[in-house]
Amino acid sequence: MLQYNMYTNRKPGDEMQLKDVGEFNFIRHIQDNTIHDPSTVITGIGDDCAVYSAKEETDQLISTDTMVEGVHFSFHYMKPYDVGYRLMTANLSDIAAMGGTPRQIVLSVAAPEYVDTAILDEVYRGIKDQCAKYHLNILGGDTVRTEGPMVWTVTIIGDVPKGTAIMRSGAQVGDIVGITNYVGYAATGLGALSYNLDGYHMTKVGHQRPDPQIELGQQLRQLGIHSMNDISDGLGSELNEIASASNVSIVIEEKVIPLHEETYELAKYLQTNPVDYALYGGEDFQLVFTAPKSLLPKLENLAGITIIGEVVSGSAQVQMVTPDKTIKTIEAKGYNHFHES
C-alpha cells in the first residue's frame, strides 16, 4: 500500500487511521452535506434503506461504476480529491449518455484499516463537490475493511421523461455521427503523467478531473437524436457498441476526429499515432451519437459538436477513412478489464 502523507497536511506519525476511528464513527463524520435536492428524499442516511420519491411521468435510470486502486487510479499521479471527482464523472456520464438527469447515489468504499482518514476525507470531498454541482443526493452506502487495494463503488439513479431515453440501439441508416468536444484527451493526460513530462496541463487535468456532458446529453435528447453512447473505453469500442446494438455499419473520417493540440504533441514525442489516443484510449467521458441529417443545422449551433461520419447499410462494423483514402476497420479494442493483450 502506498504512503499518502504527501496528500495531507499531516506529518508522518500524525495519521488518524481508519481502524482508530471505526466504521460507524467515520460514517457519521462524512454524512454532512449529502443532500442537495431534498424534494426527492424521504429518508436519507441513517436507516436500513434510503427512501426517495421518483418523479411522475419519468423512466428511472440506474448504473454503477467501481474504481480499484492500481487498476483505475494511482496515487502516484492522482490526488485523493481527483479520485472522488473522477469516480463521480464516470457515473454521471452514464446518465448523460441516456439524455437523463442525475438524482441520487449510494456509495461504498473498501479500504485498508491503516489508511489515513484524511485520504478518505479528500476522496469524499471530490465526490461531494461533483454531487453539489449536479444537485445529487448521497443517500447511503457501506464502508468495509479490505486487505487489498482501496475500492470505491458508486451506484447512481437518474430519470428521463417517459419513453425518451436514448439507447445505443437506435442508430438508423442515413444518420450522421457526431461527437462532443475532444477525444483522446484523457489518454494524452495519462501518458504525460505516466512519463512524468512537463507541460500538457490541459490534458493532465482532463485525465484527473474530467467532466460529464450532462447538459449536452439532455440537449441532444431534446433535439431528437437516434442513439448515443458515452466514451469510457475509447471511441472505437463505443462506436462498435452502437453498430452492434443497432445492426448497422458506421463510417468515420480520421481527419475530422477532434484531437487536442497536446495529443499531437505527445504522439510526436512518443512516435505514436495521435488518432489511436481517441480510438483506444478511453475515459474521456464525452458522448458519441447518431442523428438524422435533418438535425445538422441545429447540431452545428451547439458548442462542442463535431460531425465525424455517417451510418450506412451493411454488417455491424466500424470503418475509418484515412487521409490517404485507405479504408481501415476499427476493432472494439478499447480498455477491457479481462482482456490480456
C-alpha atoms as a PDB file:
ATOM      1  CA  MET A   1       0.000   0.000   0.000  1.00  0.00           C
ATOM      2  CA  LEU A   2       1.296   3.463  -0.916  1.00  0.00           C
ATOM      3  CA  GLN A   3       2.160   6.159   1.597  1.00  0.00           C
ATOM      4  CA  TYR A   4      -0.367   9.012   1.426  1.00  0.00           C
ATOM      5  CA  ASN A   5       1.270  11.702   3.595  1.00  0.00           C
ATOM      6  CA  MET A   6       2.170  13.756   0.517  1.00  0.00           C
ATOM      7  CA  TYR A   7      -1.539  14.497   0.008  1.00  0.00           C
ATOM      8  CA  THR A   8      -2.297  15.781   3.522  1.00  0.00           C
ATOM      9  CA  ASN A   9      -1.031  18.422   5.879  1.00  0.00           C
ATOM     10  CA  ARG A  10      -0.171  15.792   8.467  1.00  0.00           C
ATOM     11  CA  LYS A  11       3.370  14.857   9.357  1.00  0.00           C
ATOM     12  CA  PRO A  12       4.432  11.190   9.305  1.00  0.00           C
ATOM     13  CA  GLY A  13       3.204   9.586  12.504  1.00  0.00           C
ATOM     14  CA  ASP A  14       0.282  12.017  12.906  1.00  0.00           C
ATOM     15  CA  GLU A  15      -2.180   9.981  10.833  1.00  0.00           C
ATOM     16  CA  MET A  16      -5.620   9.111  12.131  1.00  0.00           C
ATOM     17  CA  GLN A  17      -6.115   5.643  10.698  1.00  0.00           C
ATOM     18  CA  LEU A  18      -9.472   4.140   9.802  1.00  0.00           C
ATOM     19  CA  LYS A  19      -9.028   1.404  12.420  1.00  0.00           C
ATOM     20  CA  ASP A  20      -8.714   4.098  15.100  1.00  0.00           C
ATOM     21  CA  VAL A  21     -11.957   5.799  14.063  1.00  0.00           C
ATOM     22  CA  GLY A  22     -14.191   2.812  13.321  1.00  0.00           C
ATOM     23  CA  GLU A  23     -16.798   2.327  10.598  1.00  0.00           C
ATOM     24  CA  PHE A  24     -19.770   3.988  12.280  1.00  0.00           C
ATOM     25  CA  ASN A  25     -17.861   6.997  13.570  1.00  0.00           C
ATOM     26  CA  PHE A  26     -16.421   7.513  10.109  1.00  0.00           C
ATOM     27  CA  ILE A  27     -19.886   7.310   8.514  1.00  0.00           C
ATOM     28  CA  ARG A  28     -21.178   9.920  10.943  1.00  0.00           C
ATOM     29  CA  HIS A  29     -18.124  12.019  10.154  1.00  0.00           C
ATOM     30  CA  ILE A  30     -18.768  12.143   6.393  1.00  0.00           C
ATOM     31  CA  GLN A  31     -22.556  12.346   6.230  1.00  0.00           C
ATOM     32  CA  ASP A  32     -22.746  16.158   6.316  1.00  0.00           C
ATOM     33  CA  ASN A  33     -23.549  17.968   3.054  1.00  0.00           C
ATOM     34  CA  THR A  34     -25.022  14.894   1.381  1.00  0.00           C
ATOM     35  CA  ILE A  35     -28.493  16.173   0.406  1.00  0.00           C
ATOM     36  CA  HIS A  36     -28.662  18.742  -2.410  1.00  0.00           C
ATOM     37  CA  ASP A  37     -32.264  18.191  -3.585  1.00  0.00           C
ATOM     38  CA  PRO A  38     -34.399  17.443  -0.513  1.00  0.00           C
ATOM     39  CA  SER A  39     -37.597  17.499  -2.566  1.00  0.00           C
ATOM     40  CA  THR A  40     -36.936  13.914  -3.704  1.00  0.00           C
ATOM     41  CA  VAL A  41     -35.716  12.454  -0.390  1.00  0.00           C
ATOM     42  CA  ILE A  42     -37.971  10.865   2.231  1.00  0.00           C
ATOM     43  CA  THR A  43     -35.235   9.174   4.311  1.00  0.00           C
ATOM     44  CA  GLY A  44     -31.512   9.515   3.642  1.00  0.00           C
ATOM     45  CA  ILE A  45     -28.511   8.169   5.532  1.00  0.00           C
ATOM     46  CA  GLY A  46     -29.260   6.549   8.872  1.00  0.00           C
ATOM     47  CA  ASP A  47     -31.801   3.768   8.297  1.00  0.00           C
ATOM     48  CA  ASP A  48     -31.632   0.275   6.787  1.00  0.00           C
ATOM     49  CA  CYS A  49     -32.581   1.722   3.397  1.00  0.00           C
ATOM     50  CA  ALA A  50     -32.891   5.197   1.986  1.00  0.00           C
ATOM     51  CA  VAL A  51     -36.300   6.211   0.654  1.00  0.00           C
ATOM     52  CA  TYR A  52     -36.658   8.591  -2.272  1.00  0.00           C
ATOM     53  CA  SER A  53     -39.596   9.626  -4.430  1.00  0.00           C
ATOM     54  CA  ALA A  54     -39.477   9.215  -8.194  1.00  0.00           C
ATOM     55  CA  LYS A  55     -40.955  11.977 -10.299  1.00  0.00           C
ATOM     56  CA  GLU A  56     -44.137  11.131 -12.186  1.00  0.00           C
ATOM     57  CA  GLU A  57     -44.039  10.648 -15.966  1.00  0.00           C
ATOM     58  CA  THR A  58     -40.370   9.628 -15.905  1.00  0.00           C
ATOM     59  CA  ASP A  59     -38.445   6.456 -16.543  1.00  0.00           C
ATOM     60  CA  GLN A  60     -35.828   5.663 -13.914  1.00  0.00           C
ATOM     61  CA  LEU A  61     -32.163   5.226 -14.861  1.00  0.00           C
ATOM     62  CA  ILE A  62     -29.654   3.274 -12.768  1.00  0.00           C
ATOM     63  CA  SER A  63     -25.979   2.490 -13.291  1.00  0.00           C
ATOM     64  CA  THR A  64     -22.926   1.579 -11.225  1.00  0.00           C
ATOM     65  CA  ASP A  65     -19.174   2.058 -11.533  1.00  0.00           C
ATOM     66  CA  THR A  66     -16.230   0.806  -9.488  1.00  0.00           C
ATOM     67  CA  MET A  67     -12.710   2.213  -9.272  1.00  0.00           C
ATOM     68  CA  VAL A  68      -9.920  -0.002  -7.934  1.00  0.00           C
ATOM     69  CA  GLU A  69      -6.593   1.412  -6.782  1.00  0.00           C
ATOM     70  CA  GLY A  70      -3.847   0.256  -9.129  1.00  0.00           C
ATOM     71  CA  VAL A  71      -6.327  -0.501 -11.923  1.00  0.00           C
ATOM     72  CA  HIS A  72      -8.365   2.669 -12.429  1.00  0.00           C
ATOM     73  CA  PHE A  73      -6.270   5.144 -10.496  1.00  0.00           C
ATOM     74  CA  SER A  74      -2.893   5.561  -8.854  1.00  0.00           C
ATOM     75  CA  PHE A  75      -1.923   7.950  -6.091  1.00  0.00           C
ATOM     76  CA  HIS A  76       1.387   8.339  -7.905  1.00  0.00           C
ATOM     77  CA  TYR A  77      -0.298  10.846 -10.264  1.00  0.00           C
ATOM     78  CA  MET A  78      -3.777  11.454  -8.871  1.00  0.00           C
ATOM     79  CA  LYS A  79      -4.681  13.263  -5.677  1.00  0.00           C
ATOM     80  CA  PRO A  80      -7.363  11.672  -3.499  1.00  0.00           C
ATOM     81  CA  TYR A  81      -9.712  14.535  -4.397  1.00  0.00           C
ATOM     82  CA  ASP A  82      -9.270  13.652  -8.087  1.00  0.00           C
ATOM     83  CA  VAL A  83     -10.230  10.036  -7.403  1.00  0.00           C
ATOM     84  CA  GLY A  84     -13.590  11.066  -5.980  1.00  0.00           C
ATOM     85  CA  TYR A  85     -14.179  13.640  -8.695  1.00  0.00           C
ATOM     86  CA  ARG A  86     -13.400  11.171 -11.481  1.00  0.00           C
ATOM     87  CA  LEU A  87     -15.479   8.388  -9.930  1.00  0.00           C
ATOM     88  CA  MET A  88     -18.499  10.663  -9.960  1.00  0.00           C
ATOM     89  CA  THR A  89     -17.835  11.732 -13.550  1.00  0.00           C
ATOM     90  CA  ALA A  90     -17.826   8.089 -14.665  1.00  0.00           C
ATOM     91  CA  ASN A  91     -21.255   7.570 -13.115  1.00  0.00           C
ATOM     92  CA  LEU A  92     -22.687  10.887 -14.258  1.00  0.00           C
ATOM     93  CA  SER A  93     -21.504  10.163 -17.795  1.00  0.00           C
ATOM     94  CA  ASP A  94     -23.703   7.056 -17.934  1.00  0.00           C
ATOM     95  CA  ILE A  95     -26.736   9.207 -17.143  1.00  0.00           C
ATOM     96  CA  ALA A  96     -25.612  11.777 -19.735  1.00  0.00           C
ATOM     97  CA  ALA A  97     -25.435   9.044 -22.386  1.00  0.00           C
ATOM     98  CA  MET A  98     -29.163   8.381 -21.922  1.00  0.00           C
ATOM     99  CA  GLY A  99     -30.017  12.089 -22.068  1.00  0.00           C
ATOM    100  CA  GLY A 100     -31.069  11.913 -18.425  1.00  0.00           C
ATOM    101  CA  THR A 101     -30.923  13.911 -15.216  1.00  0.00           C
ATOM    102  CA  PRO A 102     -28.943  12.526 -12.237  1.00  0.00           C
ATOM    103  CA  ARG A 103     -30.803  12.414  -8.910  1.00  0.00           C
ATOM    104  CA  GLN A 104     -29.323  10.130  -6.220  1.00  0.00           C
ATOM    105  CA  ILE A 105     -26.278   7.993  -5.422  1.00  0.00           C
ATOM    106  CA  VAL A 106     -25.297   5.330  -2.935  1.00  0.00           C
ATOM    107  CA  LEU A 107     -21.602   4.927  -2.247  1.00  0.00           C
ATOM    108  CA  SER A 108     -19.426   2.124  -0.900  1.00  0.00           C
ATOM    109  CA  VAL A 109     -15.731   2.016  -0.029  1.00  0.00           C
ATOM    110  CA  ALA A 110     -13.454  -0.876   0.874  1.00  0.00           C
ATOM    111  CA  ALA A 111     -10.262   0.402   2.478  1.00  0.00           C
ATOM    112  CA  PRO A 112      -7.339  -0.982   4.495  1.00  0.00           C
ATOM    113  CA  GLU A 113      -7.703  -0.343   8.217  1.00  0.00           C
ATOM    114  CA  TYR A 114      -4.425   1.554   8.372  1.00  0.00           C
ATOM    115  CA  VAL A 115      -5.287   4.128   5.673  1.00  0.00           C
ATOM    116  CA  ASP A 116      -5.204   7.731   6.900  1.00  0.00           C
ATOM    117  CA  THR A 117      -8.765   9.027   7.220  1.00  0.00           C
ATOM    118  CA  ALA A 118      -7.587  12.347   5.734  1.00  0.00           C
ATOM    119  CA  ILE A 119      -7.201  10.499   2.428  1.00  0.00           C
ATOM    120  CA  LEU A 120     -10.755   9.203   2.625  1.00  0.00           C
ATOM    121  CA  ASP A 121     -11.975  12.693   3.522  1.00  0.00           C
ATOM    122  CA  GLU A 122     -10.361  14.070   0.367  1.00  0.00           C
ATOM    123  CA  VAL A 123     -11.900  11.391  -1.865  1.00  0.00           C
ATOM    124  CA  TYR A 124     -15.282  12.159  -0.320  1.00  0.00           C
ATOM    125  CA  ARG A 125     -14.702  15.869  -0.897  1.00  0.00           C
ATOM    126  CA  GLY A 126     -14.221  15.220  -4.606  1.00  0.00           C
ATOM    127  CA  ILE A 127     -17.406  13.144  -4.661  1.00  0.00           C
ATOM    128  CA  LYS A 128     -19.381  15.734  -2.711  1.00  0.00           C
ATOM    129  CA  ASP A 129     -18.240  18.623  -4.904  1.00  0.00           C
ATOM    130  CA  GLN A 130     -19.499  16.828  -8.012  1.00  0.00           C
ATOM    131  CA  CYS A 131     -22.740  15.946  -6.230  1.00  0.00           C
ATOM    132  CA  ALA A 132     -23.237  19.575  -5.243  1.00  0.00           C
ATOM    133  CA  LYS A 133     -22.561  20.755  -8.792  1.00  0.00           C
ATOM    134  CA  TYR A 134     -25.190  18.420 -10.271  1.00  0.00           C
ATOM    135  CA  HIS A 135     -27.645  18.569  -7.314  1.00  0.00           C
ATOM    136  CA  LEU A 136     -27.195  14.900  -6.450  1.00  0.00           C
ATOM    137  CA  ASN A 137     -28.167  13.416  -3.105  1.00  0.00           C
ATOM    138  CA  ILE A 138     -25.926  10.891  -1.325  1.00  0.00           C
ATOM    139  CA  LEU A 139     -28.462   8.508   0.219  1.00  0.00           C
ATOM    140  CA  GLY A 140     -26.155   5.984   1.905  1.00  0.00           C
ATOM    141  CA  GLY A 141     -23.767   3.145   1.200  1.00  0.00           C
ATOM    142  CA  ASP A 142     -21.263   0.988   3.037  1.00  0.00           C
ATOM    143  CA  THR A 143     -17.746   1.135   4.478  1.00  0.00           C
ATOM    144  CA  VAL A 144     -15.774  -2.113   4.878  1.00  0.00           C
ATOM    145  CA  ARG A 145     -12.229  -3.235   5.571  1.00  0.00           C
ATOM    146  CA  THR A 146     -10.115  -4.869   2.891  1.00  0.00           C
ATOM    147  CA  GLU A 147      -6.669  -6.465   2.903  1.00  0.00           C
ATOM    148  CA  GLY A 148      -6.161  -5.463  -0.717  1.00  0.00           C
ATOM    149  CA  PRO A 149      -6.211  -2.156  -2.586  1.00  0.00           C
ATOM    150  CA  MET A 150      -8.765   0.562  -1.982  1.00  0.00           C
ATOM    151  CA  VAL A 151     -12.054   0.070  -3.875  1.00  0.00           C
ATOM    152  CA  TRP A 152     -14.769   2.683  -4.441  1.00  0.00           C
ATOM    153  CA  THR A 153     -18.203   1.905  -5.898  1.00  0.00           C
ATOM    154  CA  VAL A 154     -20.995   4.339  -6.743  1.00  0.00           C
ATOM    155  CA  THR A 155     -24.497   3.408  -7.866  1.00  0.00           C
ATOM    156  CA  ILE A 156     -26.287   6.335  -9.476  1.00  0.00           C
ATOM    157  CA  ILE A 157     -30.006   6.837 -10.045  1.00  0.00           C
ATOM    158  CA  GLY A 158     -31.459   9.306 -12.518  1.00  0.00           C
ATOM    159  CA  ASP A 159     -34.507   9.848 -14.649  1.00  0.00           C
ATOM    160  CA  VAL A 160     -35.607  10.844 -18.107  1.00  0.00           C
ATOM    161  CA  PRO A 161     -39.041  11.828 -19.483  1.00  0.00           C
ATOM    162  CA  LYS A 162     -41.019   8.656 -20.067  1.00  0.00           C
ATOM    163  CA  GLY A 163     -40.142   6.897 -23.317  1.00  0.00           C
ATOM    164  CA  THR A 164     -37.323   9.270 -24.289  1.00  0.00           C
ATOM    165  CA  ALA A 165     -34.131   7.545 -23.046  1.00  0.00           C
ATOM    166  CA  ILE A 166     -31.517   7.439 -25.793  1.00  0.00           C
ATOM    167  CA  MET A 167     -30.311   3.880 -26.445  1.00  0.00           C
ATOM    168  CA  ARG A 168     -27.307   2.514 -28.305  1.00  0.00           C
ATOM    169  CA  SER A 169     -29.715   0.522 -30.454  1.00  0.00           C
ATOM    170  CA  GLY A 170     -31.425   3.442 -32.198  1.00  0.00           C
ATOM    171  CA  ALA A 171     -28.945   4.249 -34.991  1.00  0.00           C
ATOM    172  CA  GLN A 172     -30.505   4.277 -38.464  1.00  0.00           C
ATOM    173  CA  VAL A 173     -29.039   4.076 -41.950  1.00  0.00           C
ATOM    174  CA  GLY A 174     -28.583   7.620 -43.203  1.00  0.00           C
ATOM    175  CA  ASP A 175     -27.779   9.081 -39.768  1.00  0.00           C
ATOM    176  CA  ILE A 176     -24.832  11.361 -39.261  1.00  0.00           C
ATOM    177  CA  VAL A 177     -22.346  10.518 -36.475  1.00  0.00           C
ATOM    178  CA  GLY A 178     -21.339  13.226 -34.024  1.00  0.00           C
ATOM    179  CA  ILE A 179     -19.076  13.626 -31.043  1.00  0.00           C
ATOM    180  CA  THR A 180     -18.716  16.131 -28.210  1.00  0.00           C
ATOM    181  CA  ASN A 181     -15.552  18.164 -27.593  1.00  0.00           C
ATOM    182  CA  TYR A 182     -12.130  16.441 -27.810  1.00  0.00           C
ATOM    183  CA  VAL A 183     -11.395  12.707 -27.713  1.00  0.00           C
ATOM    184  CA  GLY A 184      -8.091  11.119 -26.771  1.00  0.00           C
ATOM    185  CA  TYR A 185      -7.836  13.904 -24.211  1.00  0.00           C
ATOM    186  CA  ALA A 186      -7.687  11.752 -21.074  1.00  0.00           C
ATOM    187  CA  ALA A 187      -5.318   9.212 -22.616  1.00  0.00           C
ATOM    188  CA  THR A 188      -2.984  12.059 -23.552  1.00  0.00           C
ATOM    189  CA  GLY A 189      -3.004  13.334 -19.975  1.00  0.00           C
ATOM    190  CA  LEU A 190      -2.389   9.852 -18.622  1.00  0.00           C
ATOM    191  CA  GLY A 191       0.545   9.392 -20.994  1.00  0.00           C
ATOM    192  CA  ALA A 192       2.091  12.697 -19.969  1.00  0.00           C
ATOM    193  CA  LEU A 193       1.648  11.855 -16.283  1.00  0.00           C
ATOM    194  CA  SER A 194       2.986   8.325 -16.702  1.00  0.00           C
ATOM    195  CA  TYR A 195       6.148   9.585 -18.411  1.00  0.00           C
ATOM    196  CA  ASN A 196       6.440  12.472 -15.914  1.00  0.00           C
ATOM    197  CA  LEU A 197       6.522  15.018 -18.735  1.00  0.00           C
ATOM    198  CA  ASP A 198       6.436  18.770 -18.169  1.00  0.00           C
ATOM    199  CA  GLY A 199       3.585  20.714 -19.707  1.00  0.00           C
ATOM    200  CA  TYR A 200       0.407  19.059 -21.024  1.00  0.00           C
ATOM    201  CA  HIS A 201      -1.591  20.980 -18.427  1.00  0.00           C
ATOM    202  CA  MET A 202      -4.957  20.784 -20.192  1.00  0.00           C
ATOM    203  CA  THR A 203      -4.903  17.053 -20.845  1.00  0.00           C
ATOM    204  CA  LYS A 204      -3.465  16.196 -17.426  1.00  0.00           C
ATOM    205  CA  VAL A 205      -6.465  17.932 -15.881  1.00  0.00           C
ATOM    206  CA  GLY A 206      -8.638  16.160 -18.440  1.00  0.00           C
ATOM    207  CA  HIS A 207      -7.425  12.824 -17.101  1.00  0.00           C
ATOM    208  CA  GLN A 208      -7.538  13.723 -13.415  1.00  0.00           C
ATOM    209  CA  ARG A 209     -10.774  15.721 -13.347  1.00  0.00           C
ATOM    210  CA  PRO A 210     -12.884  15.001 -16.444  1.00  0.00           C
ATOM    211  CA  ASP A 211     -16.374  16.480 -16.590  1.00  0.00           C
ATOM    212  CA  PRO A 212     -19.533  14.643 -17.676  1.00  0.00           C
ATOM    213  CA  GLN A 213     -21.614  16.019 -20.546  1.00  0.00           C
ATOM    214  CA  ILE A 214     -24.952  16.158 -18.707  1.00  0.00           C
ATOM    215  CA  GLU A 215     -26.253  19.335 -20.350  1.00  0.00           C
ATOM    216  CA  LEU A 216     -25.204  18.318 -23.870  1.00  0.00           C
ATOM    217  CA  GLY A 217     -26.766  14.893 -23.380  1.00  0.00           C
ATOM    218  CA  GLN A 218     -30.076  16.496 -22.448  1.00  0.00           C
ATOM    219  CA  GLN A 219     -29.900  18.947 -25.341  1.00  0.00           C
ATOM    220  CA  LEU A 220     -29.182  16.149 -27.815  1.00  0.00           C
ATOM    221  CA  ARG A 221     -32.120  14.120 -26.486  1.00  0.00           C
ATOM    222  CA  GLN A 222     -34.416  17.112 -26.805  1.00  0.00           C
ATOM    223  CA  LEU A 223     -33.310  17.627 -30.417  1.00  0.00           C
ATOM    224  CA  GLY A 224     -34.356  14.067 -31.286  1.00  0.00           C
ATOM    225  CA  ILE A 225     -31.123  12.170 -31.922  1.00  0.00           C
ATOM    226  CA  HIS A 226     -31.405   8.421 -32.555  1.00  0.00           C
ATOM    227  CA  SER A 227     -28.621   6.783 -30.490  1.00  0.00           C
ATOM    228  CA  MET A 228     -25.880   7.719 -28.046  1.00  0.00           C
ATOM    229  CA  ASN A 229     -23.024   6.245 -26.005  1.00  0.00           C
ATOM    230  CA  ASP A 230     -20.517   7.715 -23.572  1.00  0.00           C
ATOM    231  CA  ILE A 231     -16.820   7.343 -24.305  1.00  0.00           C
ATOM    232  CA  SER A 232     -15.379   5.441 -21.377  1.00  0.00           C
ATOM    233  CA  ASP A 233     -13.486   2.680 -23.204  1.00  0.00           C
ATOM    234  CA  GLY A 234     -12.350   4.500 -26.351  1.00  0.00           C
ATOM    235  CA  LEU A 235     -14.165   5.841 -29.408  1.00  0.00           C
ATOM    236  CA  GLY A 236     -13.558   2.629 -31.366  1.00  0.00           C
ATOM    237  CA  SER A 237     -15.196   0.480 -28.700  1.00  0.00           C
ATOM    238  CA  GLU A 238     -18.192   2.805 -28.243  1.00  0.00           C
ATOM    239  CA  LEU A 239     -18.859   3.082 -31.988  1.00  0.00           C
ATOM    240  CA  ASN A 240     -18.737  -0.693 -32.279  1.00  0.00           C
ATOM    241  CA  GLU A 241     -21.260  -0.965 -29.455  1.00  0.00           C
ATOM    242  CA  ILE A 242     -23.665   1.312 -31.350  1.00  0.00           C
ATOM    243  CA  ALA A 243     -23.072  -0.562 -34.614  1.00  0.00           C
ATOM    244  CA  SER A 244     -23.659  -3.929 -32.960  1.00  0.00           C
ATOM    245  CA  ALA A 245     -26.726  -2.861 -30.958  1.00  0.00           C
ATOM    246  CA  SER A 246     -28.288  -1.155 -33.992  1.00  0.00           C
ATOM    247  CA  ASN A 247     -27.104  -3.744 -36.578  1.00  0.00           C
ATOM    248  CA  VAL A 248     -25.666  -1.064 -38.842  1.00  0.00           C
ATOM    249  CA  SER A 249     -22.300  -0.112 -40.301  1.00  0.00           C
ATOM    250  CA  ILE A 250     -20.590   3.128 -39.312  1.00  0.00           C
ATOM    251  CA  VAL A 251     -18.017   5.013 -41.389  1.00  0.00           C
ATOM    252  CA  ILE A 252     -15.967   7.842 -39.883  1.00  0.00           C
ATOM    253  CA  GLU A 253     -13.276  10.141 -41.272  1.00  0.00           C
ATOM    254  CA  GLU A 254      -9.974  10.225 -39.438  1.00  0.00           C
ATOM    255  CA  LYS A 255      -9.115  13.806 -40.411  1.00  0.00           C
ATOM    256  CA  VAL A 256     -12.179  15.297 -38.702  1.00  0.00           C
ATOM    257  CA  ILE A 257     -11.890  13.458 -35.351  1.00  0.00           C
ATOM    258  CA  PRO A 258     -11.384  16.296 -32.828  1.00  0.00           C
ATOM    259  CA  LEU A 259      -7.947  15.905 -31.228  1.00  0.00           C
ATOM    260  CA  HIS A 260      -6.337  18.451 -28.913  1.00  0.00           C
ATOM    261  CA  GLU A 261      -3.000  20.015 -29.844  1.00  0.00           C
ATOM    262  CA  GLU A 262      -1.432  18.337 -26.788  1.00  0.00           C
ATOM    263  CA  THR A 263      -2.416  14.955 -28.229  1.00  0.00           C
ATOM    264  CA  TYR A 264      -0.485  15.718 -31.405  1.00  0.00           C
ATOM    265  CA  GLU A 265       2.446  16.943 -29.298  1.00  0.00           C
ATOM    266  CA  LEU A 266       2.587  13.774 -27.184  1.00  0.00           C
ATOM    267  CA  ALA A 267       2.171  11.495 -30.200  1.00  0.00           C
ATOM    268  CA  LYS A 268       5.099  13.223 -31.893  1.00  0.00           C
ATOM    269  CA  TYR A 269       7.238  12.897 -28.759  1.00  0.00           C
ATOM    270  CA  LEU A 270       6.422   9.196 -28.293  1.00  0.00           C
ATOM    271  CA  GLN A 271       6.361   8.462 -32.036  1.00  0.00           C
ATOM    272  CA  THR A 272       2.806   7.112 -31.887  1.00  0.00           C
ATOM    273  CA  ASN A 273      -0.321   7.666 -33.984  1.00  0.00           C
ATOM    274  CA  PRO A 274      -2.357  10.528 -32.475  1.00  0.00           C
ATOM    275  CA  VAL A 275      -5.729   9.127 -33.541  1.00  0.00           C
ATOM    276  CA  ASP A 276      -5.053   5.958 -31.519  1.00  0.00           C
ATOM    277  CA  TYR A 277      -5.446   8.007 -28.312  1.00  0.00           C
ATOM    278  CA  ALA A 278      -9.031   8.729 -29.371  1.00  0.00           C
ATOM    279  CA  LEU A 279      -9.889   5.296 -30.746  1.00  0.00           C
ATOM    280  CA  TYR A 280      -8.428   3.170 -27.975  1.00  0.00           C
ATOM    281  CA  GLY A 281      -7.579   5.421 -25.005  1.00  0.00           C
ATOM    282  CA  GLY A 282     -10.910   5.872 -23.253  1.00  0.00           C
ATOM    283  CA  GLU A 283     -12.028   7.728 -20.113  1.00  0.00           C
ATOM    284  CA  ASP A 284     -12.798  10.956 -21.978  1.00  0.00           C
ATOM    285  CA  PHE A 285     -16.426  10.712 -20.798  1.00  0.00           C
ATOM    286  CA  GLN A 286     -17.526  12.555 -23.908  1.00  0.00           C
ATOM    287  CA  LEU A 287     -20.556  11.491 -25.971  1.00  0.00           C
ATOM    288  CA  VAL A 288     -20.805   9.906 -29.407  1.00  0.00           C
ATOM    289  CA  PHE A 289     -24.197   9.849 -31.088  1.00  0.00           C
ATOM    290  CA  THR A 290     -26.088   9.366 -34.330  1.00  0.00           C
ATOM    291  CA  ALA A 291     -28.807  11.702 -35.567  1.00  0.00           C
ATOM    292  CA  PRO A 292     -30.972  12.247 -38.648  1.00  0.00           C
ATOM    293  CA  LYS A 293     -29.319  14.504 -41.218  1.00  0.00           C
ATOM    294  CA  SER A 294     -32.204  16.955 -40.864  1.00  0.00           C
ATOM    295  CA  LEU A 295     -30.790  17.926 -37.451  1.00  0.00           C
ATOM    296  CA  LEU A 296     -27.460  19.068 -38.892  1.00  0.00           C
ATOM    297  CA  PRO A 297     -28.220  22.831 -38.778  1.00  0.00           C
ATOM    298  CA  LYS A 298     -29.304  22.602 -35.119  1.00  0.00           C
ATOM    299  CA  LEU A 299     -26.336  20.438 -34.190  1.00  0.00           C
ATOM    300  CA  GLU A 300     -23.964  22.938 -35.770  1.00  0.00           C
ATOM    301  CA  ASN A 301     -25.386  25.587 -33.419  1.00  0.00           C
ATOM    302  CA  LEU A 302     -24.419  23.543 -30.350  1.00  0.00           C
ATOM    303  CA  ALA A 303     -20.970  24.354 -28.961  1.00  0.00           C
ATOM    304  CA  GLY A 304     -18.581  21.424 -28.869  1.00  0.00           C
ATOM    305  CA  ILE A 305     -20.198  19.231 -31.543  1.00  0.00           C
ATOM    306  CA  THR A 306     -18.186  17.722 -34.433  1.00  0.00           C
ATOM    307  CA  ILE A 307     -19.692  15.539 -37.156  1.00  0.00           C
ATOM    308  CA  ILE A 308     -17.246  12.712 -37.891  1.00  0.00           C
ATOM    309  CA  GLY A 309     -19.112  10.247 -40.129  1.00  0.00           C
ATOM    310  CA  GLU A 310     -22.322   8.511 -41.123  1.00  0.00           C
ATOM    311  CA  VAL A 311     -24.343   5.354 -40.659  1.00  0.00           C
ATOM    312  CA  VAL A 312     -24.610   3.104 -43.732  1.00  0.00           C
ATOM    313  CA  SER A 313     -26.178  -0.239 -44.532  1.00  0.00           C
ATOM    314  CA  GLY A 314     -24.136  -3.394 -44.066  1.00  0.00           C
ATOM    315  CA  SER A 315     -22.927  -5.729 -41.373  1.00  0.00           C
ATOM    316  CA  ALA A 316     -22.301  -4.354 -37.874  1.00  0.00           C
ATOM    317  CA  GLN A 317     -18.834  -2.841 -38.099  1.00  0.00           C
ATOM    318  CA  VAL A 318     -16.922   0.426 -37.895  1.00  0.00           C
ATOM    319  CA  GLN A 319     -14.637   1.658 -40.644  1.00  0.00           C
ATOM    320  CA  MET A 320     -12.426   4.719 -40.833  1.00  0.00           C
ATOM    321  CA  VAL A 321     -11.346   6.608 -43.946  1.00  0.00           C
ATOM    322  CA  THR A 322      -7.737   7.720 -43.507  1.00  0.00           C
ATOM    323  CA  PRO A 323      -6.358  10.957 -45.016  1.00  0.00           C
ATOM    324  CA  ASP A 324      -4.923   8.948 -47.939  1.00  0.00           C
ATOM    325  CA  LYS A 325      -8.419   7.422 -48.549  1.00  0.00           C
ATOM    326  CA  THR A 326      -7.496   3.989 -47.198  1.00  0.00           C
ATOM    327  CA  ILE A 327     -10.410   2.175 -45.550  1.00  0.00           C
ATOM    328  CA  LYS A 328      -9.463   0.800 -42.140  1.00  0.00           C
ATOM    329  CA  THR A 329     -11.645  -1.444 -39.997  1.00  0.00           C
ATOM    330  CA  ILE A 330     -11.767  -0.204 -36.409  1.00  0.00           C
ATOM    331  CA  GLU A 331     -11.954  -3.030 -33.898  1.00  0.00           C
ATOM    332  CA  ALA A 332     -13.539  -2.793 -30.456  1.00  0.00           C
ATOM    333  CA  LYS A 333     -10.255  -2.935 -28.591  1.00  0.00           C
ATOM    334  CA  GLY A 334     -10.579  -0.160 -26.068  1.00  0.00           C
ATOM    335  CA  TYR A 335      -9.840  -0.825 -22.410  1.00  0.00           C
ATOM    336  CA  ASN A 336     -11.146  -4.235 -21.275  1.00  0.00           C
ATOM    337  CA  HIS A 337     -10.585  -5.465 -17.713  1.00  0.00           C
ATOM    338  CA  PHE A 338     -10.475  -9.139 -18.661  1.00  0.00           C
ATOM    339  CA  HIS A 339      -8.551  -8.992 -21.925  1.00  0.00           C
ATOM    340  CA  GLU A 340      -4.895  -9.873 -21.899  1.00  0.00           C
ATOM    341  CA  SER A 341      -3.001  -8.035 -24.604  1.00  0.00           C
END
